[in-house]
Structure formats: C-alpha cells, structure tokens
Amino acid sequence: MSLQKLKARMQEIKDKIEEAEEREHDAKTQLKEVEAKEESNKSEVEGIKRRIQLLQGDLDTLTERHTEQEAKLKEVEEKGENEELIRKELEESEMEGDEKLSELEVSLAEATKQSDEALNLLNEAKRRCLVVQNDLKVAKDREDEFTSKAMELAETLKNLNDRTRFLEEADDEASEREQTTEEKKKFLEDQIKEFLLRADEAERQYATLQRVSEGLLLEINSLEEKKKEVIDEMDSITNILVDDF
C-alpha cells in the first residue's frame, strides 16, 4: 500500500470515528428523550443502552485501529526519511569512490608511461653497450694483432743485428752484402716503429672504449633501478585499486 493510499485510509477511519461519535451523541439524546417521555418502557431503554454499548465498542475499535494506523504511518514516514538519508550517503560515497578511482587511473597511466620511457632508455643503453663492447673487442683484437706483429718484427730485427755483427767481423769481400743487410735492417726498424705506433693507438682506443663501456654499465644499472621503482609504484597502485574496488 502506498503512502497516499494509507493516508486516505486513515482519513476514512477518522471520518467513521466522527460519524460514530455523532451517532453516539444522537443515541444518548434519544435515550434522554425516551427516559423523559417513557420511563415505563424499560425494554426500549435497555435496547438503546445495548445499542449505545455496541456503538461504544465500535468506536473503541475504530479508535484503536486509527491509533495503530497513525503509528504505522509515522513509522513509514520515518523509514522513508531514513531511506532517503541512506540513499544520499550512498550517492556521496559513490561519487567519492569515482573521484578516487579516476585519480588512481591517472596515476596508473602516468606510472605506465614512466615505465615505458624507462624501458626504452634501458633498451637503448643496452644497445649502445653492445655496440661499444663489440668495438672494444675489435680494438682489443687489433691491439693483440699489432703487438704480435711488433714482437715478430722485433725478433727479426734482433736476428738482423746478430747477422750485422757477424758481417762486421767478416772480410771486405762481404761489404756489398753488408750494405744490403743494413738496408733491410733500416726497413725493418721503420716497420717496427710503425707497428708500435699503431699498437699504441689501438691501446688508447681500447682504454677509451673501456671507459665508455664502464659508463654505459653504470647507466644501465641506474636505469634498472629506475625501472624497478616504476614497476613497484605500478604494483602499489594496482593493489590499491583491487583493495578499494
């Protein structure tokens, strides 16, 4: 039953109560008239009294029902007010939840963006590190090659020096041969100098590349830490979303 129908029913009961009261009043008036006019007619008086009692009982019943209906109406109205209050609280809570969810979604998107940027930087640093390490290996191989050739030339030069000393002890018939040996010796000395210079240059390149490689390794470690921090932040935001919603 709706609230409007209940109120209409209450008014109907109230009207009946008023009608019963009027009927009671009329009955009492009639009783007085009967008592005044026909005191001898006791049976009619008793009938009227019984009628009055019945009317009084009906009146009491209607009054009781009216009181109960008023109590129920009040309860319904209070319940309606409480439901409206609860509804407003739920709406406010839902709005706050939506705002919090939006904030967390923005934070999560920002953290995801930072994670992607950190991952790109990390991949670029790793790529550069691989390039430098490859260049470093090439430089090291060249250094080893130049060092090996320089050692071979140094050994050849030593042999030529030994032969030169041997020729110096020989007679004049070997003068032409000695001249040829000196020319070879000078050529080999020039070759040794060139290879030593190239070996020194390769060593300097190797040292430079090694420093670059160490710097890149430090950069990679730093990016790894940054990536871990961003991932931890994303996990934290995700946990908050799961716990709250």
Foldseek 3Di string as FASTA:
>chain_A
DDLVVLVVVLVVLVVVLVVLVVVLVVLVVVLVVCCVPPVPPVVVNVVSVVVSVVSVVVNVVSVVVSVVSVVVSVVVVVVVVVVVVVVVVVVVVVVVVVVVVVVLVVVLVVLVVLLVVLVVVLVVLVVVLVVLVVVLVVLVVLLVVLVVVLVVLVVVLVVLVVVLVVVVPDDPVCVVVSVVSVVVNVVSVVVSVVSVVVSVVSVVVNVVSVVVSVVSVVVSVVSVVSSVVSVVSSVVSVVVVVVPD
